[in-house]
Amino acid sequence: MVSRGVIRVLVIAMLVLSLAALIVHAQATDQAQVEAARALAAGIGFGLAALGAGIGIGIAGAASVSALVERRELFALYLVFVALAEAIAIYGLVVLFILY
């Protein structure tokens, strides 16, 4: 489970990013606002995807290692579960390239 400290850091990071977006939009022209919003959306999207993938890989990896001790013949199945969690980060990277 995610601790309160991690949640607190994430909330503060989102507030800082929102403040940065307000400052950028207040000082920019129309085309610059579009570019700034695109870059900010791509960065936030990939960051959240990578965060979710990291949490998923941590949980699936720990469960896979503990299950691997009991039944080694199911290694490929355990690897699939970890790869599914890792695919979230790859999807985030694809969205980053599409938006930016």
N, C-alpha and C. Protein backbone atom coordinates (compact mmCIF):
# COMPACT_ATOMS: atom_id res chain seq x y z
N MET A 1 0.84 -1.18 0.00
CA MET A 1 0.00 0.00 0.00
C MET A 1 0.89 1.24 0.00
N VAL A 2 0.42 2.26 -0.64
CA VAL A 2 1.18 3.50 -0.75
C VAL A 2 1.09 4.26 0.57
N SER A 3 2.23 4.72 1.05
CA SER A 3 2.25 5.41 2.34
C SER A 3 1.75 6.85 2.19
N ARG A 4 1.48 7.44 3.31
CA ARG A 4 0.98 8.83 3.30
C ARG A 4 2.03 9.81 2.80
N GLY A 5 3.30 9.51 3.06
CA GLY A 5 4.36 10.39 2.59
C GLY A 5 4.43 10.45 1.08
N VAL A 6 4.24 9.30 0.43
CA VAL A 6 4.27 9.26 -1.04
C VAL A 6 3.08 10.03 -1.60
N ILE A 7 1.93 9.86 -1.01
CA ILE A 7 0.74 10.59 -1.47
C ILE A 7 0.93 12.08 -1.27
N ARG A 8 1.51 12.47 -0.17
CA ARG A 8 1.77 13.89 0.10
C ARG A 8 2.72 14.47 -0.94
N VAL A 9 3.77 13.74 -1.28
CA VAL A 9 4.72 14.21 -2.29
C VAL A 9 4.04 14.32 -3.65
N LEU A 10 3.19 13.37 -4.00
CA LEU A 10 2.49 13.44 -5.28
C LEU A 10 1.54 14.63 -5.36
N VAL A 11 0.84 14.90 -4.27
CA VAL A 11 -0.07 16.06 -4.25
C VAL A 11 0.72 17.35 -4.39
N ILE A 12 1.84 17.46 -3.70
CA ILE A 12 2.66 18.67 -3.80
C ILE A 12 3.22 18.82 -5.21
N ALA A 13 3.64 17.70 -5.82
CA ALA A 13 4.15 17.75 -7.20
C ALA A 13 3.07 18.22 -8.17
N MET A 14 1.83 17.73 -7.99
CA MET A 14 0.75 18.16 -8.86
C MET A 14 0.44 19.65 -8.68
N LEU A 15 0.52 20.14 -7.46
CA LEU A 15 0.29 21.56 -7.23
C LEU A 15 1.38 22.41 -7.87
N VAL A 16 2.63 21.96 -7.78
CA VAL A 16 3.73 22.69 -8.40
C VAL A 16 3.58 22.70 -9.91
N LEU A 17 3.19 21.55 -10.49
CA LEU A 17 2.98 21.51 -11.94
C LEU A 17 1.83 22.41 -12.37
N SER A 18 0.77 22.45 -11.58
CA SER A 18 -0.36 23.33 -11.90
C SER A 18 0.05 24.79 -11.83
N LEU A 19 0.85 25.14 -10.83
CA LEU A 19 1.33 26.52 -10.70
C LEU A 19 2.23 26.88 -11.88
N ALA A 20 3.10 25.94 -12.28
CA ALA A 20 3.97 26.19 -13.43
C ALA A 20 3.14 26.38 -14.70
N ALA A 21 2.08 25.60 -14.85
CA ALA A 21 1.23 25.74 -16.02
C ALA A 21 0.54 27.11 -16.03
N LEU A 22 0.09 27.57 -14.88
CA LEU A 22 -0.54 28.89 -14.82
C LEU A 22 0.44 30.00 -15.19
N ILE A 23 1.67 29.89 -14.71
CA ILE A 23 2.67 30.91 -15.02
C ILE A 23 2.99 30.90 -16.51
N VAL A 24 3.14 29.72 -17.08
CA VAL A 24 3.47 29.62 -18.51
C VAL A 24 2.32 30.18 -19.35
N HIS A 25 1.11 29.84 -19.00
CA HIS A 25 -0.03 30.31 -19.79
C HIS A 25 -0.27 31.80 -19.63
N ALA A 26 0.10 32.37 -18.50
CA ALA A 26 -0.10 33.80 -18.30
C ALA A 26 0.88 34.62 -19.12
N GLN A 27 2.04 34.07 -19.45
CA GLN A 27 3.07 34.84 -20.14
C GLN A 27 3.20 34.51 -21.62
N ALA A 28 2.42 33.59 -22.11
CA ALA A 28 2.64 33.10 -23.48
C ALA A 28 1.61 33.65 -24.45
N THR A 29 1.98 33.54 -25.73
CA THR A 29 1.05 33.89 -26.80
C THR A 29 0.16 32.68 -27.08
N ASP A 30 -0.72 32.80 -28.06
CA ASP A 30 -1.66 31.72 -28.34
C ASP A 30 -0.95 30.43 -28.77
N GLN A 31 -0.03 30.52 -29.73
CA GLN A 31 0.66 29.32 -30.20
C GLN A 31 1.57 28.76 -29.11
N ALA A 32 2.19 29.61 -28.34
CA ALA A 32 3.05 29.14 -27.26
C ALA A 32 2.24 28.44 -26.17
N GLN A 33 1.02 28.90 -25.95
CA GLN A 33 0.15 28.24 -24.97
C GLN A 33 -0.19 26.82 -25.40
N VAL A 34 -0.45 26.66 -26.68
CA VAL A 34 -0.76 25.33 -27.20
C VAL A 34 0.44 24.41 -27.05
N GLU A 35 1.62 24.89 -27.39
CA GLU A 35 2.84 24.08 -27.26
C GLU A 35 3.13 23.76 -25.80
N ALA A 36 2.94 24.73 -24.92
CA ALA A 36 3.19 24.50 -23.50
C ALA A 36 2.20 23.50 -22.92
N ALA A 37 0.93 23.62 -23.31
CA ALA A 37 -0.07 22.68 -22.82
C ALA A 37 0.20 21.28 -23.34
N ARG A 38 0.64 21.18 -24.59
CA ARG A 38 0.96 19.87 -25.16
C ARG A 38 2.13 19.23 -24.43
N ALA A 39 3.17 20.01 -24.16
CA ALA A 39 4.33 19.47 -23.45
C ALA A 39 3.98 19.09 -22.02
N LEU A 40 3.18 19.91 -21.37
CA LEU A 40 2.77 19.62 -19.99
C LEU A 40 1.90 18.37 -19.93
N ALA A 41 0.98 18.23 -20.86
CA ALA A 41 0.12 17.05 -20.88
C ALA A 41 0.92 15.79 -21.17
N ALA A 42 1.89 15.89 -22.08
CA ALA A 42 2.72 14.73 -22.39
C ALA A 42 3.56 14.33 -21.19
N GLY A 43 4.12 15.30 -20.51
CA GLY A 43 4.94 15.00 -19.33
C GLY A 43 4.14 14.42 -18.19
N ILE A 44 2.99 14.99 -17.91
CA ILE A 44 2.15 14.47 -16.82
C ILE A 44 1.63 13.09 -17.17
N GLY A 45 1.22 12.89 -18.42
CA GLY A 45 0.72 11.58 -18.84
C GLY A 45 1.76 10.49 -18.70
N PHE A 46 2.97 10.77 -19.18
CA PHE A 46 4.01 9.76 -19.07
C PHE A 46 4.45 9.56 -17.63
N GLY A 47 4.50 10.63 -16.86
CA GLY A 47 4.90 10.50 -15.46
C GLY A 47 3.92 9.64 -14.67
N LEU A 48 2.63 9.86 -14.87
CA LEU A 48 1.64 9.05 -14.16
C LEU A 48 1.64 7.60 -14.64
N ALA A 49 1.86 7.41 -15.96
CA ALA A 49 1.94 6.04 -16.47
C ALA A 49 3.15 5.31 -15.90
N ALA A 50 4.27 6.00 -15.82
CA ALA A 50 5.47 5.38 -15.26
C ALA A 50 5.31 5.11 -13.77
N LEU A 51 4.64 6.01 -13.07
CA LEU A 51 4.39 5.80 -11.64
C LEU A 51 3.49 4.58 -11.43
N GLY A 52 2.43 4.48 -12.21
CA GLY A 52 1.54 3.32 -12.11
C GLY A 52 2.24 2.03 -12.48
N ALA A 53 3.09 2.09 -13.51
CA ALA A 53 3.83 0.89 -13.90
C ALA A 53 4.82 0.49 -12.81
N GLY A 54 5.46 1.45 -12.19
CA GLY A 54 6.40 1.14 -11.12
C GLY A 54 5.72 0.48 -9.93
N ILE A 55 4.57 1.00 -9.55
CA ILE A 55 3.82 0.40 -8.45
C ILE A 55 3.35 -1.00 -8.84
N GLY A 56 2.85 -1.15 -10.06
CA GLY A 56 2.39 -2.46 -10.53
C GLY A 56 3.50 -3.48 -10.62
N ILE A 57 4.67 -3.07 -11.12
CA ILE A 57 5.80 -3.98 -11.22
C ILE A 57 6.29 -4.36 -9.82
N GLY A 58 6.27 -3.41 -8.90
CA GLY A 58 6.68 -3.72 -7.53
C GLY A 58 5.79 -4.76 -6.89
N ILE A 59 4.49 -4.60 -7.05
CA ILE A 59 3.55 -5.55 -6.45
C ILE A 59 3.61 -6.90 -7.15
N ALA A 60 3.57 -6.88 -8.50
CA ALA A 60 3.59 -8.13 -9.26
C ALA A 60 4.94 -8.84 -9.12
N GLY A 61 6.01 -8.08 -9.09
CA GLY A 61 7.33 -8.69 -8.94
C GLY A 61 7.51 -9.36 -7.59
N ALA A 62 7.06 -8.70 -6.53
CA ALA A 62 7.17 -9.30 -5.21
C ALA A 62 6.33 -10.56 -5.09
N ALA A 63 5.14 -10.53 -5.64
CA ALA A 63 4.28 -11.71 -5.61
C ALA A 63 4.85 -12.83 -6.48
N SER A 64 5.45 -12.46 -7.61
CA SER A 64 6.03 -13.47 -8.50
C SER A 64 7.22 -14.16 -7.85
N VAL A 65 8.07 -13.40 -7.20
CA VAL A 65 9.24 -13.99 -6.56
C VAL A 65 8.83 -14.92 -5.43
N SER A 66 7.86 -14.51 -4.64
CA SER A 66 7.42 -15.37 -3.54
C SER A 66 6.69 -16.62 -4.07
N ALA A 67 5.98 -16.51 -5.17
CA ALA A 67 5.32 -17.67 -5.76
C ALA A 67 6.32 -18.57 -6.48
N LEU A 68 7.38 -17.97 -7.00
CA LEU A 68 8.40 -18.73 -7.72
C LEU A 68 9.13 -19.70 -6.80
N VAL A 69 9.23 -19.35 -5.53
CA VAL A 69 9.87 -20.23 -4.56
C VAL A 69 9.09 -21.54 -4.43
N GLU A 70 7.77 -21.44 -4.51
CA GLU A 70 6.95 -22.63 -4.32
C GLU A 70 6.79 -23.45 -5.61
N ARG A 71 6.59 -22.79 -6.75
CA ARG A 71 6.34 -23.52 -8.01
C ARG A 71 7.18 -22.90 -9.13
N ARG A 72 8.36 -23.47 -9.35
CA ARG A 72 9.28 -22.94 -10.36
C ARG A 72 8.80 -23.19 -11.79
N GLU A 73 7.94 -24.17 -11.99
CA GLU A 73 7.51 -24.50 -13.36
C GLU A 73 6.58 -23.44 -13.95
N LEU A 74 6.06 -22.54 -13.15
CA LEU A 74 5.17 -21.48 -13.65
C LEU A 74 5.90 -20.15 -13.85
N PHE A 75 7.21 -20.21 -14.10
CA PHE A 75 8.02 -18.99 -14.24
C PHE A 75 7.50 -18.11 -15.39
N ALA A 76 7.14 -18.72 -16.52
CA ALA A 76 6.68 -17.95 -17.69
C ALA A 76 5.39 -17.20 -17.37
N LEU A 77 4.52 -17.81 -16.60
CA LEU A 77 3.27 -17.15 -16.22
C LEU A 77 3.54 -15.95 -15.32
N TYR A 78 4.48 -16.10 -14.40
CA TYR A 78 4.84 -14.98 -13.52
C TYR A 78 5.45 -13.84 -14.33
N LEU A 79 6.24 -14.21 -15.32
CA LEU A 79 6.87 -13.20 -16.16
C LEU A 79 5.84 -12.43 -16.97
N VAL A 80 4.78 -13.10 -17.39
CA VAL A 80 3.71 -12.43 -18.14
C VAL A 80 3.03 -11.37 -17.28
N PHE A 81 2.78 -11.69 -16.01
CA PHE A 81 2.13 -10.71 -15.13
C PHE A 81 3.00 -9.47 -14.92
N VAL A 82 4.29 -9.66 -14.78
CA VAL A 82 5.19 -8.51 -14.63
C VAL A 82 5.25 -7.71 -15.93
N ALA A 83 5.24 -8.40 -17.07
CA ALA A 83 5.29 -7.71 -18.36
C ALA A 83 4.01 -6.91 -18.61
N LEU A 84 2.87 -7.40 -18.14
CA LEU A 84 1.63 -6.64 -18.30
C LEU A 84 1.68 -5.33 -17.53
N ALA A 85 2.27 -5.37 -16.35
CA ALA A 85 2.40 -4.13 -15.59
C ALA A 85 3.41 -3.20 -16.26
N GLU A 86 4.44 -3.75 -16.87
CA GLU A 86 5.45 -2.93 -17.53
C GLU A 86 4.90 -2.29 -18.81
N ALA A 87 3.92 -2.93 -19.42
CA ALA A 87 3.34 -2.41 -20.66
C ALA A 87 2.66 -1.06 -20.44
N ILE A 88 2.24 -0.79 -19.22
CA ILE A 88 1.60 0.50 -18.93
C ILE A 88 2.58 1.64 -19.20
N ALA A 89 3.83 1.47 -18.82
CA ALA A 89 4.83 2.51 -19.08
C ALA A 89 5.09 2.66 -20.57
N ILE A 90 5.05 1.57 -21.31
CA ILE A 90 5.25 1.65 -22.75
C ILE A 90 4.09 2.39 -23.40
N TYR A 91 2.86 2.14 -22.95
CA TYR A 91 1.71 2.89 -23.46
C TYR A 91 1.85 4.39 -23.15
N GLY A 92 2.33 4.69 -21.98
CA GLY A 92 2.56 6.09 -21.62
C GLY A 92 3.60 6.74 -22.52
N LEU A 93 4.64 5.98 -22.87
CA LEU A 93 5.67 6.51 -23.77
C LEU A 93 5.10 6.75 -25.16
N VAL A 94 4.24 5.87 -25.62
CA VAL A 94 3.59 6.06 -26.93
C VAL A 94 2.72 7.32 -26.93
N VAL A 95 1.96 7.50 -25.85
CA VAL A 95 1.12 8.70 -25.73
C VAL A 95 1.98 9.96 -25.67
N LEU A 96 3.14 9.87 -25.01
CA LEU A 96 4.05 11.01 -24.95
C LEU A 96 4.47 11.42 -26.36
N PHE A 97 4.83 10.44 -27.20
CA PHE A 97 5.24 10.77 -28.56
C PHE A 97 4.08 11.26 -29.42
N ILE A 98 2.89 10.74 -29.16
CA ILE A 98 1.73 11.20 -29.93
C ILE A 98 1.39 12.66 -29.58
N LEU A 99 1.42 12.99 -28.29
CA LEU A 99 1.07 14.35 -27.86
C LEU A 99 2.17 15.36 -28.18
N TYR A 100 3.39 14.93 -28.16
CA TYR A 100 4.49 15.88 -28.35
C TYR A 100 5.06 15.70 -29.72
